[in-house]
Protein backbone atom coordinates (compact mmCIF):
# COMPACT_ATOMS: atom_id res chain seq x y z
CA MET A 1 192.73 148.01 66.92
CA ALA A 2 190.97 150.65 69.02
CA VAL A 3 188.75 153.06 67.12
CA LYS A 4 190.10 156.58 67.29
CA SER A 5 187.89 159.27 68.76
CA ASP A 6 186.85 162.29 66.74
CA ILE A 7 189.16 164.54 68.71
CA GLU A 8 192.11 162.18 68.17
CA ILE A 9 191.45 162.16 64.43
CA ALA A 10 191.15 165.95 64.38
CA ARG A 11 194.43 166.39 66.26
CA GLU A 12 196.27 164.22 63.75
CA ALA A 13 195.00 166.34 60.86
CA SER A 14 197.52 168.12 58.69
CA MET A 15 195.95 171.55 58.35
CA ASN A 16 196.94 173.97 55.62
CA PRO A 17 197.41 177.68 56.32
CA ILE A 18 194.03 179.34 55.97
CA THR A 19 195.42 181.54 53.21
CA GLU A 20 196.02 178.39 51.11
CA VAL A 21 192.48 177.20 51.83
CA GLY A 22 191.11 180.58 50.76
CA ALA A 23 193.19 180.46 47.59
CA LYS A 24 191.17 177.41 46.47
CA LEU A 25 188.22 179.80 46.20
CA ASP A 26 190.37 182.63 44.80
CA ILE A 27 190.15 184.66 48.01
CA PRO A 28 193.25 186.88 48.22
CA ALA A 29 195.27 186.47 51.41
CA ASP A 30 194.90 190.16 52.25
CA GLN A 31 191.11 189.78 52.25
CA LEU A 32 191.22 187.24 55.08
CA LEU A 33 191.16 188.56 58.65
CA GLN A 34 193.05 185.78 60.38
CA TYR A 35 192.32 184.38 63.84
CA GLY A 36 195.54 182.42 64.02
CA PRO A 37 196.89 180.27 61.18
CA HIS A 38 193.81 178.09 60.57
CA LYS A 39 190.69 180.25 60.76
CA ALA A 40 189.74 183.61 59.31
CA LYS A 41 186.91 185.96 58.49
CA ILE A 42 186.31 187.12 54.93
CA SER A 43 186.39 190.89 54.52
CA TYR A 44 183.37 192.95 53.54
CA ASP A 45 185.34 194.53 50.69
CA PHE A 46 185.92 191.15 49.08
CA ILE A 47 182.32 190.02 49.62
CA ASN A 48 181.04 193.23 48.02
CA SER A 49 183.30 192.66 45.01
CA LEU A 50 181.45 189.41 44.23
CA ALA A 51 178.06 191.00 43.51
CA ASP A 52 178.10 190.46 39.73
CA ARG A 53 179.29 186.85 39.80
CA PRO A 54 176.79 184.08 38.96
CA ASP A 55 175.67 181.79 41.77
CA GLY A 56 176.61 178.14 42.14
CA LYS A 57 174.14 175.34 42.89
CA LEU A 58 172.74 174.98 46.41
CA ILE A 59 172.35 171.54 48.01
CA LEU A 60 170.58 171.08 51.35
CA VAL A 61 171.46 168.24 53.72
CA THR A 62 168.71 167.29 56.15
CA ALA A 63 167.74 164.11 57.97
CA ILE A 64 165.12 161.80 59.38
CA SER A 65 163.81 162.57 62.88
CA PRO A 66 166.77 162.32 65.27
CA THR A 67 167.24 159.47 67.74
CA PRO A 68 169.88 158.60 70.35
CA ALA A 69 171.35 156.24 67.74
CA GLY A 70 172.60 159.19 65.70
CA GLU A 71 172.09 160.26 62.10
CA GLY A 72 175.22 162.23 61.18
CA LYS A 73 173.84 165.19 59.25
CA THR A 74 176.88 167.45 59.77
CA THR A 75 179.23 164.54 59.12
CA THR A 76 177.42 163.82 55.85
CA THR A 77 177.53 167.49 54.83
CA VAL A 78 181.29 167.55 55.31
CA GLY A 79 181.77 164.15 53.67
CA LEU A 80 179.71 165.16 50.64
CA GLY A 81 181.68 168.39 50.29
CA ASP A 82 184.92 166.41 50.30
CA GLY A 83 183.45 163.87 47.88
CA LEU A 84 182.47 166.60 45.43
CA ASN A 85 186.01 167.98 45.54
CA ARG A 86 187.44 164.48 45.04
CA ILE A 87 185.51 164.07 41.79
CA GLY A 88 186.90 167.36 40.53
CA LYS A 89 184.16 169.79 41.44
CA ARG A 90 184.68 173.24 42.93
CA ALA A 91 182.64 172.79 46.10
CA THR A 92 182.40 174.09 49.63
CA VAL A 93 180.22 173.49 52.68
CA CYS A 94 178.25 175.92 54.85
CA LEU A 95 177.60 174.90 58.45
CA ARG A 96 176.33 176.41 61.68
CA GLU A 97 178.54 177.23 64.64
CA PRO A 98 178.12 175.01 67.72
CA SER A 99 176.52 176.33 70.91
CA LEU A 100 178.39 175.87 74.18
CA GLY A 101 175.17 174.72 75.88
CA PRO A 102 174.94 171.37 74.08
CA CYS A 103 178.75 170.93 74.10
CA PHE A 104 178.70 170.90 77.90
CA GLY A 105 175.25 169.31 78.10
CA MET A 106 174.52 166.11 76.23
CA LYS A 107 174.91 166.61 72.46
CA GLY A 108 178.65 167.19 72.37
CA GLY A 109 180.41 169.09 69.61
CA ALA A 110 179.10 169.85 66.14
CA ALA A 111 182.06 169.75 63.79
CA GLY A 112 181.30 166.44 62.09
CA GLY A 113 182.85 163.14 63.03
CA GLY A 114 185.35 160.46 62.10
CA TYR A 115 187.15 161.36 58.87
CA ALA A 116 184.47 163.85 57.84
CA GLN A 117 185.19 166.79 60.12
CA VAL A 118 185.90 170.49 59.98
CA VAL A 119 188.99 171.70 61.79
CA PRO A 120 190.35 173.12 64.07
CA MET A 121 187.66 171.10 65.86
CA GLU A 122 188.38 172.26 69.42
CA ASP A 123 188.38 175.93 68.44
CA ILE A 124 185.15 175.57 66.47
CA ASN A 125 183.38 173.91 69.40
CA LEU A 126 184.74 176.18 72.15
CA HIS A 127 184.49 179.94 71.35
CA PHE A 128 185.70 179.91 67.72
CA THR A 129 185.96 183.55 66.55
CA GLY A 130 183.73 184.91 69.30
CA ASP A 131 180.57 185.31 67.20
CA PHE A 132 178.23 183.85 69.81
CA HIS A 133 179.70 186.05 72.52
CA ALA A 134 179.15 189.11 70.32
CA ILE A 135 175.55 188.06 69.68
CA GLY A 136 174.90 187.46 73.38
CA ILE A 137 176.43 190.78 74.42
CA ALA A 138 174.53 192.71 71.75
CA HIS A 139 171.30 191.06 72.86
CA ASN A 140 171.92 191.80 76.54
CA LEU A 141 172.94 195.38 75.79
CA LEU A 142 169.39 195.89 74.56
CA SER A 143 168.03 194.22 77.71
CA ALA A 144 170.13 196.53 79.87
CA MET A 145 169.04 199.60 77.90
CA ILE A 146 165.37 198.64 78.22
CA ASP A 147 165.60 198.57 82.02
CA ASN A 148 167.76 201.69 82.01
CA HIS A 149 165.18 203.48 79.86
CA VAL A 150 162.47 202.64 82.40
CA TYR A 151 164.70 203.69 85.32
CA TRP A 152 165.45 207.14 83.86
CA GLY A 153 161.90 208.26 83.30
CA ASN A 154 160.49 205.83 80.72
CA ALA A 155 159.95 208.41 77.97
CA ASN A 156 158.31 205.79 75.74
CA ALA A 157 155.81 204.81 78.48
CA LEU A 158 156.89 201.16 78.27
CA ASP A 159 154.65 199.01 80.48
CA THR A 160 157.04 196.86 82.55
CA ARG A 161 154.39 194.13 82.63
CA ARG A 162 154.51 193.93 78.85
CA ILE A 163 158.25 193.85 78.19
CA ALA A 164 158.66 191.11 75.58
CA PHE A 165 162.45 190.94 75.25
CA ARG A 166 164.16 188.33 77.44
CA ARG A 167 167.85 188.02 78.22
CA VAL A 168 170.13 185.27 76.85
CA VAL A 169 173.13 183.17 77.80
CA ASP A 170 174.88 180.50 75.71
CA MET A 171 174.50 177.74 78.25
CA ASN A 172 171.78 175.28 79.24
CA ASP A 173 170.51 176.69 82.54
CA ARG A 174 166.92 175.83 83.49
CA SER A 175 167.10 177.97 86.66
CA LEU A 176 167.11 181.10 84.49
CA ARG A 177 163.94 180.32 82.52
CA GLN A 178 161.85 182.57 84.73
CA ILE A 179 163.37 185.11 87.11
CA THR A 180 162.58 188.31 88.98
CA SER A 181 165.02 191.12 88.26
CA SER A 182 165.88 194.51 89.76
CA LEU A 183 165.41 193.48 93.39
CA GLY A 184 167.17 195.37 96.16
CA GLY A 185 165.52 198.75 96.35
CA VAL A 186 165.01 201.96 94.41
CA SER A 187 168.60 202.28 93.19
CA ASN A 188 168.34 198.95 91.35
CA GLY A 189 165.36 199.90 89.22
CA PHE A 190 161.82 198.58 89.03
CA ALA A 191 161.36 194.93 89.99
CA ARG A 192 159.73 192.84 87.28
CA GLU A 193 159.45 189.32 85.94
CA ASP A 194 162.02 188.38 83.32
CA GLY A 195 163.72 185.29 81.95
CA PHE A 196 166.56 183.91 79.86
CA ASP A 197 166.63 182.02 76.59
CA ILE A 198 169.68 180.24 75.23
CA THR A 199 171.64 182.47 72.80
CA VAL A 200 170.78 180.31 69.80
CA ALA A 201 167.09 181.18 70.36
CA SER A 202 167.85 184.91 70.48
CA GLU A 203 166.18 187.18 67.96
CA ILE A 204 169.61 188.74 67.49
CA MET A 205 170.90 185.32 66.38
CA ALA A 206 168.05 185.05 63.88
CA ILE A 207 168.66 188.59 62.61
CA PHE A 208 172.40 187.88 62.38
CA CYS A 209 171.70 184.83 60.22
CA LEU A 210 169.14 186.50 57.96
CA ALA A 211 170.75 189.95 57.48
CA LYS A 212 172.33 190.52 54.08
CA ASP A 213 174.77 193.23 55.22
CA LEU A 214 175.54 195.67 58.06
CA ASP A 215 172.90 198.19 56.99
CA ASP A 216 170.27 195.47 56.86
CA LEU A 217 171.46 194.18 60.24
CA THR A 218 171.11 197.62 61.85
CA ASP A 219 167.69 198.17 60.31
CA ARG A 220 166.41 194.77 61.46
CA ILE A 221 167.69 195.31 65.00
CA GLY A 222 165.84 198.64 65.11
CA LYS A 223 162.58 196.83 64.26
CA ILE A 224 162.72 194.51 67.29
CA VAL A 225 159.59 194.96 69.38
CA VAL A 226 160.85 195.08 72.96
CA GLY A 227 157.47 195.58 74.60
CA TYR A 228 154.26 197.56 74.68
CA THR A 229 152.74 200.58 76.37
CA ARG A 230 149.59 200.35 78.50
CA GLU A 231 147.70 201.27 75.34
CA ARG A 232 149.29 198.25 73.58
CA LYS A 233 151.43 200.42 71.32
CA ALA A 234 154.65 198.67 70.28
CA VAL A 235 157.99 200.03 71.51
CA CYS A 236 160.96 199.07 69.32
CA ALA A 237 164.72 198.89 69.82
CA ARG A 238 165.14 202.06 67.77
CA ASP A 239 162.84 203.88 70.23
CA ILE A 240 165.26 202.86 73.01
CA LYS A 241 168.14 204.11 70.79
CA ALA A 242 169.99 200.80 71.16
CA HIS A 243 170.16 199.46 67.60
CA SER A 244 173.23 201.33 66.34
CA ALA A 245 175.41 200.36 69.30
CA MET A 246 174.24 196.76 68.99
CA ALA A 247 175.30 196.72 65.34
CA VAL A 248 178.73 198.01 66.36
CA LEU A 249 179.15 194.99 68.64
CA LEU A 250 178.27 192.71 65.70
CA LYS A 251 180.36 194.51 63.07
CA ASP A 252 183.20 191.97 62.90
CA ALA A 253 181.07 188.96 63.79
CA LEU A 254 178.89 189.37 60.68
CA MET A 255 181.84 188.56 58.41
CA PRO A 256 181.65 184.83 57.49
CA ASN A 257 184.20 182.44 59.00
CA LEU A 258 186.43 180.28 56.80
CA VAL A 259 188.01 177.03 58.02
CA GLN A 260 188.82 173.69 56.35
CA THR A 261 187.83 170.03 56.31
CA LEU A 262 190.23 167.23 57.20
CA GLU A 263 190.92 167.02 53.45
CA ASN A 264 191.83 170.72 53.38
CA ASN A 265 188.75 171.81 51.46
CA PRO A 266 187.18 175.19 52.32
CA ALA A 267 184.29 175.32 54.77
CA PHE A 268 182.16 178.26 55.91
CA ILE A 269 180.89 178.12 59.50
CA HIS A 270 178.74 181.06 60.56
CA GLY A 271 175.76 181.59 62.84
CA GLY A 272 173.97 178.89 64.75
CA PRO A 273 170.24 178.98 65.59
CA PHE A 274 168.73 175.68 66.75
CA ALA A 275 165.97 174.27 64.56
CA ASN A 276 163.73 173.02 67.38
CA ILE A 277 163.39 176.51 68.94
CA ALA A 278 164.64 178.81 66.15
CA HIS A 279 165.06 178.65 62.37
CA GLY A 280 168.02 176.29 62.27
CA CYS A 281 170.16 177.58 59.37
CA ASN A 282 173.60 179.12 59.02
CA SER A 283 173.88 182.75 57.94
CA VAL A 284 172.57 184.11 54.66
CA SER A 285 175.81 186.09 54.29
CA ALA A 286 177.93 182.92 54.44
CA THR A 287 175.64 180.98 52.10
CA LYS A 288 175.47 183.76 49.51
CA THR A 289 179.23 184.33 49.67
CA ALA A 290 179.86 180.62 49.18
CA LEU A 291 177.49 180.53 46.19
CA LYS A 292 179.55 183.26 44.52
CA LEU A 293 182.79 181.36 45.07
CA ALA A 294 181.91 177.71 44.42
CA ASP A 295 179.99 175.77 41.77
CA TYR A 296 178.37 173.55 44.41
CA VAL A 297 177.53 174.60 47.96
CA VAL A 298 176.44 171.99 50.48
CA THR A 299 174.62 173.36 53.51
CA GLU A 300 172.68 171.81 56.37
CA ALA A 301 169.57 172.61 58.37
CA GLY A 302 169.07 171.49 61.95
CA PHE A 303 167.41 168.28 63.18
CA GLY A 304 164.90 166.44 60.97
CA ALA A 305 163.41 167.70 57.72
CA ASP A 306 160.13 168.54 59.48
CA LEU A 307 161.96 171.29 61.37
CA GLY A 308 165.23 172.28 59.72
CA ALA A 309 164.33 171.75 56.08
CA GLU A 310 160.86 173.27 56.46
CA LYS A 311 162.33 176.43 57.99
CA PHE A 312 165.16 176.50 55.46
CA PHE A 313 162.55 176.51 52.68
CA ASP A 314 159.84 178.65 54.28
CA ILE A 315 162.03 181.21 56.06
CA LYS A 316 165.61 181.34 54.78
CA CYS A 317 164.96 180.66 51.09
CA ARG A 318 161.87 182.88 51.10
CA LYS A 319 163.67 185.80 52.73
CA ALA A 320 167.02 185.46 50.93
CA GLY A 321 165.73 184.59 47.47
CA LEU A 322 167.44 181.18 47.42
CA ALA A 323 166.31 178.09 45.52
CA PRO A 324 167.92 174.71 46.34
CA SER A 325 168.73 172.34 43.50
CA ALA A 326 168.51 169.13 45.56
CA VAL A 327 168.03 167.77 49.06
CA VAL A 328 170.13 165.01 50.61
CA LEU A 329 168.14 163.24 53.32
CA VAL A 330 170.41 161.44 55.79
CA ALA A 331 169.32 158.19 57.46
CA THR A 332 171.06 155.44 59.37
CA VAL A 333 169.98 151.83 59.75
CA ARG A 334 170.41 152.21 63.51
CA ALA A 335 168.09 155.22 63.74
CA LEU A 336 165.49 153.55 61.53
CA LYS A 337 165.53 150.55 63.84
CA MET A 338 164.76 152.83 66.76
CA HIS A 339 161.87 154.33 64.82
CA GLY A 340 160.80 150.72 64.28
CA GLY A 341 160.69 150.06 68.01
CA VAL A 342 164.14 148.60 68.77
CA ALA A 343 165.83 149.58 72.05
CA LYS A 344 169.22 151.27 71.85
CA GLY A 345 170.96 148.28 73.44
CA ASP A 346 169.71 145.94 70.70
CA LEU A 347 170.72 148.00 67.68
CA GLY A 348 173.70 145.77 66.89
CA ASP A 349 171.46 142.81 65.98
CA GLU A 350 170.13 142.43 62.44
CA ASN A 351 166.44 143.30 62.33
CA VAL A 352 165.13 143.89 58.83
CA ALA A 353 161.52 144.03 60.01
CA ALA A 354 162.33 146.91 62.38
CA VAL A 355 164.18 148.75 59.61
CA GLU A 356 161.16 148.38 57.35
CA ALA A 357 158.84 149.62 60.09
CA GLY A 358 161.14 152.55 60.90
CA CYS A 359 161.29 153.52 57.23
CA SER A 360 157.83 155.04 57.73
CA ASN A 361 159.74 158.00 59.18
CA LEU A 362 162.04 158.16 56.16
CA ALA A 363 159.07 157.93 53.79
CA ARG A 364 157.25 160.76 55.53
CA HIS A 365 160.25 163.07 55.24
CA LEU A 366 160.71 162.19 51.56
CA GLU A 367 157.07 162.97 50.86
CA ASN A 368 157.37 166.29 52.69
CA VAL A 369 160.49 167.40 50.84
CA LYS A 370 158.76 166.77 47.51
CA LYS A 371 155.95 169.13 48.54
CA PHE A 372 158.42 172.00 48.13
CA GLY A 373 159.27 171.00 44.56
CA VAL A 374 162.79 169.76 45.32
CA THR A 375 164.26 166.37 44.39
CA PRO A 376 165.39 164.31 47.42
CA ILE A 377 168.30 161.87 47.53
CA VAL A 378 168.78 159.45 50.43
CA ALA A 379 172.26 159.15 51.96
CA ILE A 380 172.58 156.06 54.17
CA ASN A 381 175.27 156.99 56.69
CA GLN A 382 176.89 153.58 57.10
CA PHE A 383 177.74 151.97 60.42
CA ILE A 384 179.99 148.93 60.71
CA ASN A 385 177.20 146.61 61.91
CA ASP A 386 174.77 147.43 59.06
CA THR A 387 173.91 144.29 57.10
CA ASP A 388 173.27 144.00 53.37
CA ALA A 389 169.65 143.02 54.01
CA GLU A 390 169.05 146.06 56.19
CA LEU A 391 170.64 148.41 53.66
CA ALA A 392 168.58 146.84 50.88
CA ALA A 393 165.39 147.45 52.87
CA VAL A 394 166.16 151.18 53.08
CA SER A 395 166.94 151.37 49.37
CA LYS A 396 163.69 149.59 48.51
CA VAL A 397 161.57 152.11 50.46
CA ALA A 398 163.42 155.08 48.96
CA GLU A 399 163.08 153.75 45.43
CA SER A 400 159.36 153.12 45.95
CA LEU A 401 159.03 156.86 46.53
CA GLY A 402 161.16 157.83 43.53
CA ALA A 403 164.37 158.58 45.43
CA LYS A 404 167.71 156.86 45.06
CA ALA A 405 169.40 155.68 48.27
CA ILE A 406 173.21 155.56 48.29
CA VAL A 407 175.38 154.07 51.02
CA ALA A 408 178.06 156.51 52.17
CA SER A 409 181.05 155.58 54.35
CA HIS A 410 182.45 159.06 54.94
CA TRP A 411 182.83 158.59 58.72
CA ALA A 412 185.42 155.87 58.08
CA ASN A 413 186.73 156.89 54.66
CA GLY A 414 186.23 160.64 54.32
CA GLY A 415 185.52 161.96 50.84
CA ALA A 416 186.41 158.59 49.27
CA GLY A 417 183.34 157.18 50.98
CA THR A 418 180.98 159.67 49.29
CA GLU A 419 182.17 159.62 45.69
CA GLU A 420 179.13 157.66 44.48
CA LEU A 421 176.83 159.98 46.40
CA ALA A 422 178.64 163.04 45.03
CA ARG A 423 178.30 161.85 41.42
CA HIS A 424 174.58 161.24 41.82
CA VAL A 425 174.10 164.61 43.53
CA VAL A 426 175.83 166.34 40.62
CA GLU A 427 173.63 164.45 38.14
CA VAL A 428 170.46 165.55 39.96
CA VAL A 429 171.61 169.11 40.58
CA ASP A 430 172.78 169.76 37.03
CA ALA A 431 169.40 168.59 35.70
CA ALA A 432 167.33 170.42 38.32
CA ASP A 433 164.77 173.09 37.46
CA THR A 434 164.81 175.36 40.51
CA SER A 435 161.77 177.23 39.25
CA SER A 436 159.66 174.36 40.62
CA PHE A 437 160.74 175.23 44.17
CA SER A 438 158.11 176.93 46.30
CA PRO A 439 157.46 177.46 50.02
CA ILE A 440 154.51 175.52 51.39
CA TYR A 441 152.33 178.56 52.12
CA PRO A 442 152.02 182.05 50.57
CA ASP A 443 152.92 185.32 52.29
CA ASP A 444 149.33 186.56 52.36
CA MET A 445 147.87 183.55 54.20
CA PRO A 446 146.59 184.43 57.71
CA LEU A 447 149.13 183.68 60.46
CA PHE A 448 147.19 180.92 62.19
CA ASP A 449 146.51 179.28 58.83
CA LYS A 450 150.26 179.26 58.17
CA ILE A 451 150.80 177.50 61.50
CA LYS A 452 147.99 175.08 60.67
CA THR A 453 149.45 174.40 57.22
CA VAL A 454 152.81 173.36 58.66
CA CYS A 455 151.13 171.23 61.34
CA THR A 456 148.80 169.42 58.94
CA GLU A 457 150.94 169.21 55.80
CA ILE A 458 154.33 168.50 57.42
CA TYR A 459 153.53 167.06 60.88
CA ARG A 460 150.29 165.39 59.63
CA ALA A 461 148.33 166.63 62.64
CA GLU A 462 144.57 166.26 62.52
CA ASP A 463 143.87 169.14 64.87
CA VAL A 464 145.69 172.39 65.71
CA THR A 465 144.54 174.20 68.83
CA ALA A 466 145.32 177.47 70.59
CA ASP A 467 143.50 179.42 73.25
CA ALA A 468 141.76 182.73 72.66
CA LYS A 469 144.79 184.71 73.87
CA VAL A 470 146.97 183.24 71.10
CA HIS A 471 144.35 183.91 68.42
CA LYS A 472 143.94 187.50 69.62
CA GLN A 473 147.69 188.08 69.63
CA LEU A 474 148.00 186.84 66.06
CA ALA A 475 145.05 189.01 64.99
CA ASP A 476 146.64 192.05 66.64
CA TRP A 477 149.91 191.44 64.81
CA GLU A 478 148.08 191.12 61.52
CA ALA A 479 146.36 194.46 62.22
CA ASP A 480 149.80 195.98 62.95
CA GLY A 481 151.14 194.90 59.55
CA TYR A 482 152.94 191.67 60.45
CA GLY A 483 150.51 189.32 58.74
CA ASP A 484 152.83 188.60 55.80
CA LEU A 485 155.56 187.10 58.01
CA PRO A 486 156.40 183.37 57.88
CA VAL A 487 156.07 181.21 60.99
CA CYS A 488 158.90 179.54 62.91
CA MET A 489 157.70 176.48 64.80
CA ALA A 490 159.25 175.64 68.18
CA LYS A 491 158.60 171.92 68.66
CA THR A 492 160.31 168.75 69.85
CA GLN A 493 162.76 167.43 67.28
CA TYR A 494 162.19 163.78 68.17
CA SER A 495 158.77 163.29 66.61
CA PHE A 496 156.42 164.65 63.98
CA SER A 497 154.06 165.18 66.90
CA THR A 498 154.64 167.24 70.04
CA ASN A 499 155.19 164.02 72.01
CA PRO A 500 158.89 163.07 71.75
CA ASP A 501 158.08 159.42 72.44
CA LEU A 502 155.94 158.99 69.30
CA LYS A 503 158.46 157.58 66.81
CA GLY A 504 157.98 156.60 63.19
CA ALA A 505 155.33 158.55 61.30
CA PRO A 506 152.44 159.37 63.62
CA GLU A 507 149.37 161.03 62.18
CA GLY A 508 145.98 162.15 63.42
CA HIS A 509 147.51 163.77 66.50
CA SER A 510 146.78 167.22 67.90
CA VAL A 511 149.22 170.14 68.09
CA ASN A 512 148.58 172.78 70.72
CA ILE A 513 150.14 176.22 70.21
CA ARG A 514 150.63 177.45 73.76
CA GLU A 515 152.49 180.68 73.00
CA VAL A 516 153.43 182.93 70.08
CA ARG A 517 156.25 185.48 69.94
CA LEU A 518 156.87 188.26 67.44
CA SER A 519 160.38 188.46 65.98
CA ALA A 520 159.80 191.60 63.95
CA GLY A 521 163.48 192.21 63.25
CA ALA A 522 164.15 188.65 62.12
CA GLY A 523 160.91 188.73 60.17
CA PHE A 524 158.94 185.78 61.50
CA ILE A 525 156.43 184.70 64.14
CA VAL A 526 157.58 182.03 66.61
CA ALA A 527 154.87 179.50 67.48
CA ILE A 528 155.70 177.40 70.54
CA ALA A 529 154.06 173.97 70.58
CA GLY A 530 153.88 171.40 73.36
CA ASP A 531 156.45 171.40 76.15
CA ILE A 532 159.40 172.74 74.13
CA MET A 533 161.63 175.16 76.07
CA THR A 534 163.64 178.06 74.62
CA MET A 535 166.09 177.57 77.50
CA PRO A 536 167.20 173.91 77.73
CA GLY A 537 168.40 172.28 80.94
CA LEU A 538 171.46 170.12 81.57
CA PRO A 539 171.00 166.33 81.81
CA ARG A 540 171.52 164.36 85.02
CA VAL A 541 175.13 163.73 84.01
CA PRO A 542 176.23 166.67 81.84
CA ALA A 543 179.10 166.27 79.41
CA ALA A 544 180.90 169.00 81.37
CA GLU A 545 181.70 166.46 84.09
CA ALA A 546 184.05 164.64 81.72
CA ILE A 547 185.63 167.65 79.99
CA HIS A 548 189.08 168.53 81.37
CA LEU A 549 192.66 169.44 80.54
CA ASP A 550 195.22 166.65 80.65
CA ALA A 551 198.81 166.92 81.88
CA ASP A 552 199.86 168.32 78.49
CA GLY A 553 197.20 171.01 78.57
CA GLN A 554 195.07 169.36 75.89
CA VAL A 555 191.27 169.26 76.08
CA GLN A 556 189.85 165.82 76.84
CA GLY A 557 186.25 164.61 76.88
CA LEU A 558 184.92 167.24 74.48
CA PHE A 559 183.89 164.75 71.81
């Protein structure tokens, strides 16, 4: 029998009206702003009414360093949420929205897989409720107003050579990384160098995901440093008088989105920064709303634990006052084999030695998670070719580090495949002391020392380098009052090092910080390491080549 694709499984789903899904969390139907029958935003009035309710328990799903073999972090998040509901718990999941760039590039969709998906899958992957478009337009409104401000007299004396706010588009387009704008004569403004980032790397995206409400959103947008005068004085979005209009464009988008899993359990999907170039977590507003409505909230952070989990702890939890009760670290036998040196074409053959070698990556992530004072649990996302000996090897390594490893078959069996995992998660979470949680560095540590702490403690680098220009920029920001901000590392997701080809658990390597950027509105410093790009490119054969409408008008090739 042919294995059904994710999109085929999603299309066969029997979805409940979104009002029935909301009712599982006691959300009145009139407090849901519906986008058709199966997706909705939750009103501000209802969210505000939850202020005095106690919070549920927060569970983070993260993973080993990603490989082409796949790990299934989103799939596991959804499967665990369904598993918790199957064992009688009031649970929901909080996920990020997919970016169109990867959907049409090489990663594909991001709504889970197999029988552990959120639906309507096509809508979620292709425009959804328009949040990303609102974020991109709000961002580019500020870009347009910056150039317009300069054109009409430049009252704030903004030095066009020192404009620090780039444009964005939600598509992988390497040709836009560095451009020259305003060509064509006097009527088109003053020519200058500019560039584009992908929308998920936008400071507006970060602000959107960290803002607690509309007032906070507007205030944060106003703090964005768009550039500097010749005297190096910062010029902010509020000086350009753009922040209020930008907040208007984001007014509806900031309301969290509610959808459902294949098993008709509620799921929040809101915001979507990447973890390799941004902070990699869904919105604070969605997470906090979910915690008021459910006893257990399962959320994810992008890529491996060295990126997504670190930023979840050091940025999101620090800024939002959150404390996770447990961490589920996802691994697959196939991915561990790749970390152990096996080629993708040979992953179907049993190779216990390679699994054991690749478990160095799993062990490193487990050790790192414990540094934050949170208990890790290993979820082995099962593939059909996994052997008992290979699974036992993973369990042995996990247990040697004080973590239990549980095989989960949610891709094939949905929530039924995660019941054992769900029961153990509840046992750990209910016994957890969240007061032991702590970020890995304090607010008052110097900025470069924060960068160095992440590189040495999490990446296990021996040396962290940066040229004099980077050190001076960090010192200037500290003098301007930004020294208490956390750091957001932009680094390859494929390795603990900045070399994507170094698998396993490399150590003793060097990390070079080639650029730093101030995200004053979001409230962090971006440190760009190695060759990482904030505007990805499409692969040689982009997924877009296979995406089309069939004779019945249905999307094919999306996933």
